[in-house]
Amino acid sequence: MNAAVKIDVIATASKPRDFVMQPPETLDLITFNTPDNGVLTGYVSVIRQHLGNGQRFAWVELDSDLAGQFRGVPLADIITCDDAGTARRQVATNGQVRGMCLSDYSNKLFRRSITTACH
């Protein structure tokens, strides 16, 4: 009389992550969908709120473009995240990555060219 009942169990890994509620962290590599360029990848720089409507955006440095080019990506458009930003930050703080900074030496070059021209 007791019939066996089959219950399907859905694995938690198959459920997609809600990036609005659990946003990626700094230096995470994400894949996101865009209406104009399709699917792109990049590293998260920071999460900011839009001043007008309050929607949260990830400022992403694009992986396929020149360094320093960012794109604002709504958190709802994020498809995947590698969650390796913490490891990337720890490598940077341990001194294993050489830091780079931009400087303006044009003033010194200008003085040198004047000095050279006078002699």
Protein backbone atom coordinates (compact mmCIF):
# COMPACT_ATOMS: atom_id res chain seq x y z
CA MET A 1 0.00 0.00 0.00
CA ASN A 2 2.84 2.37 0.67
CA ALA A 3 4.15 3.44 -2.70
CA ALA A 4 7.68 4.76 -3.04
CA VAL A 5 7.73 8.48 -3.60
CA LYS A 6 10.52 9.99 -5.63
CA ILE A 7 11.58 13.46 -4.52
CA ASP A 8 13.81 15.48 -6.79
CA VAL A 9 16.47 17.38 -4.91
CA ILE A 10 17.81 20.52 -6.51
CA ALA A 11 21.46 21.10 -5.75
CA THR A 12 22.36 24.49 -4.36
CA ALA A 13 25.16 24.83 -6.92
CA SER A 14 22.67 24.75 -9.79
CA LYS A 15 20.82 27.78 -8.47
CA PRO A 16 22.24 30.96 -10.02
CA ARG A 17 23.70 33.52 -7.64
CA ASP A 18 21.77 36.74 -7.10
CA PHE A 19 24.45 39.39 -7.66
CA VAL A 20 22.16 42.20 -6.49
CA MET A 21 21.91 40.66 -3.01
CA GLN A 22 25.47 39.20 -3.01
CA PRO A 23 27.54 41.57 -5.16
CA PRO A 24 31.05 40.68 -6.30
CA GLU A 25 34.05 42.08 -4.47
CA THR A 26 36.90 44.24 -5.69
CA LEU A 27 39.22 42.48 -8.18
CA ASP A 28 36.74 39.68 -8.90
CA LEU A 29 36.68 38.64 -12.55
CA ILE A 30 33.09 38.82 -13.78
CA THR A 31 31.24 38.02 -16.99
CA PHE A 32 28.32 40.27 -17.83
CA ASN A 33 25.80 40.79 -20.60
CA THR A 34 25.56 44.08 -22.51
CA PRO A 35 22.88 45.16 -24.97
CA ASP A 36 25.41 46.56 -27.45
CA ASN A 37 28.54 44.34 -27.25
CA GLY A 38 27.16 41.01 -26.04
CA VAL A 39 28.97 39.15 -23.27
CA LEU A 40 32.11 40.85 -21.87
CA THR A 41 34.53 40.14 -19.02
CA GLY A 42 36.42 42.40 -16.67
CA TYR A 43 37.68 43.02 -13.16
CA VAL A 44 35.49 44.80 -10.60
CA SER A 45 36.98 48.05 -9.39
CA VAL A 46 34.24 49.25 -7.06
CA ILE A 47 30.48 48.97 -6.42
CA ARG A 48 28.64 52.32 -6.52
CA GLN A 49 25.04 53.49 -6.34
CA HIS A 50 23.50 55.54 -9.13
CA LEU A 51 22.65 59.00 -7.81
CA GLY A 52 19.36 59.23 -9.70
CA ASN A 53 17.58 55.95 -9.15
CA GLY A 54 19.72 54.27 -6.47
CA GLN A 55 20.52 51.22 -8.62
CA ARG A 56 23.86 49.65 -7.74
CA PHE A 57 26.52 49.35 -10.45
CA ALA A 58 29.86 47.58 -10.61
CA TRP A 59 32.58 49.71 -12.19
CA VAL A 60 34.45 47.15 -14.25
CA GLU A 61 37.84 47.47 -15.95
CA LEU A 62 37.29 45.63 -19.21
CA ASP A 63 39.55 42.67 -19.88
CA SER A 64 39.54 43.03 -23.66
CA ASP A 65 40.13 46.81 -23.91
CA LEU A 66 42.96 49.15 -23.06
CA ALA A 67 43.96 49.48 -19.40
CA GLY A 68 42.02 52.13 -17.53
CA GLN A 69 38.79 51.84 -19.50
CA PHE A 70 35.84 51.23 -17.22
CA ARG A 71 32.22 50.40 -17.76
CA GLY A 72 29.30 50.73 -15.36
CA VAL A 73 27.54 47.36 -15.16
CA PRO A 74 24.20 46.94 -13.37
CA LEU A 75 24.49 44.12 -10.83
CA ALA A 76 21.49 42.40 -12.42
CA ASP A 77 23.44 42.00 -15.70
CA ILE A 78 26.28 39.98 -14.13
CA ILE A 79 26.31 36.36 -15.28
CA THR A 80 29.30 34.80 -13.46
CA CYS A 81 31.93 35.72 -10.91
CA ASP A 82 35.16 33.87 -10.05
CA ASP A 83 35.26 35.10 -6.38
CA ALA A 84 39.08 35.30 -6.50
CA GLY A 85 39.34 38.99 -5.64
CA THR A 86 40.43 38.27 -2.06
CA ALA A 87 43.37 36.17 -3.27
CA ARG A 88 44.35 38.88 -5.77
CA ARG A 89 44.28 41.55 -3.04
CA GLN A 90 46.42 39.40 -0.71
CA VAL A 91 49.05 38.92 -3.41
CA ALA A 92 49.19 42.69 -3.88
CA THR A 93 49.55 43.37 -0.13
CA ASN A 94 52.33 40.80 0.28
CA GLY A 95 54.51 42.79 -2.09
CA GLN A 96 54.61 40.12 -4.76
CA VAL A 97 53.25 42.55 -7.32
CA ARG A 98 55.20 45.67 -8.21
CA GLY A 99 53.08 48.75 -7.73
CA MET A 100 52.92 51.29 -10.50
CA CYS A 101 52.08 54.95 -10.25
CA LEU A 102 51.68 57.73 -12.76
CA SER A 103 53.86 60.82 -12.45
CA ASP A 104 54.20 64.05 -14.35
CA TYR A 105 57.81 64.85 -15.20
CA SER A 106 57.02 67.45 -17.88
CA ASN A 107 58.18 70.30 -15.62
CA LYS A 108 61.67 68.75 -15.25
CA LEU A 109 61.90 68.09 -18.99
CA PHE A 110 61.00 71.69 -19.72
CA ARG A 111 63.72 73.05 -17.38
CA ARG A 112 66.33 70.71 -18.86
CA SER A 113 65.54 71.78 -22.43
CA ILE A 114 65.91 75.46 -21.48
CA THR A 115 69.23 74.79 -19.71
CA THR A 116 70.52 72.76 -22.64
CA ALA A 117 69.50 75.45 -25.13
CA CYS A 118 71.33 78.19 -23.17
CA HIS A 119 74.70 76.39 -23.14
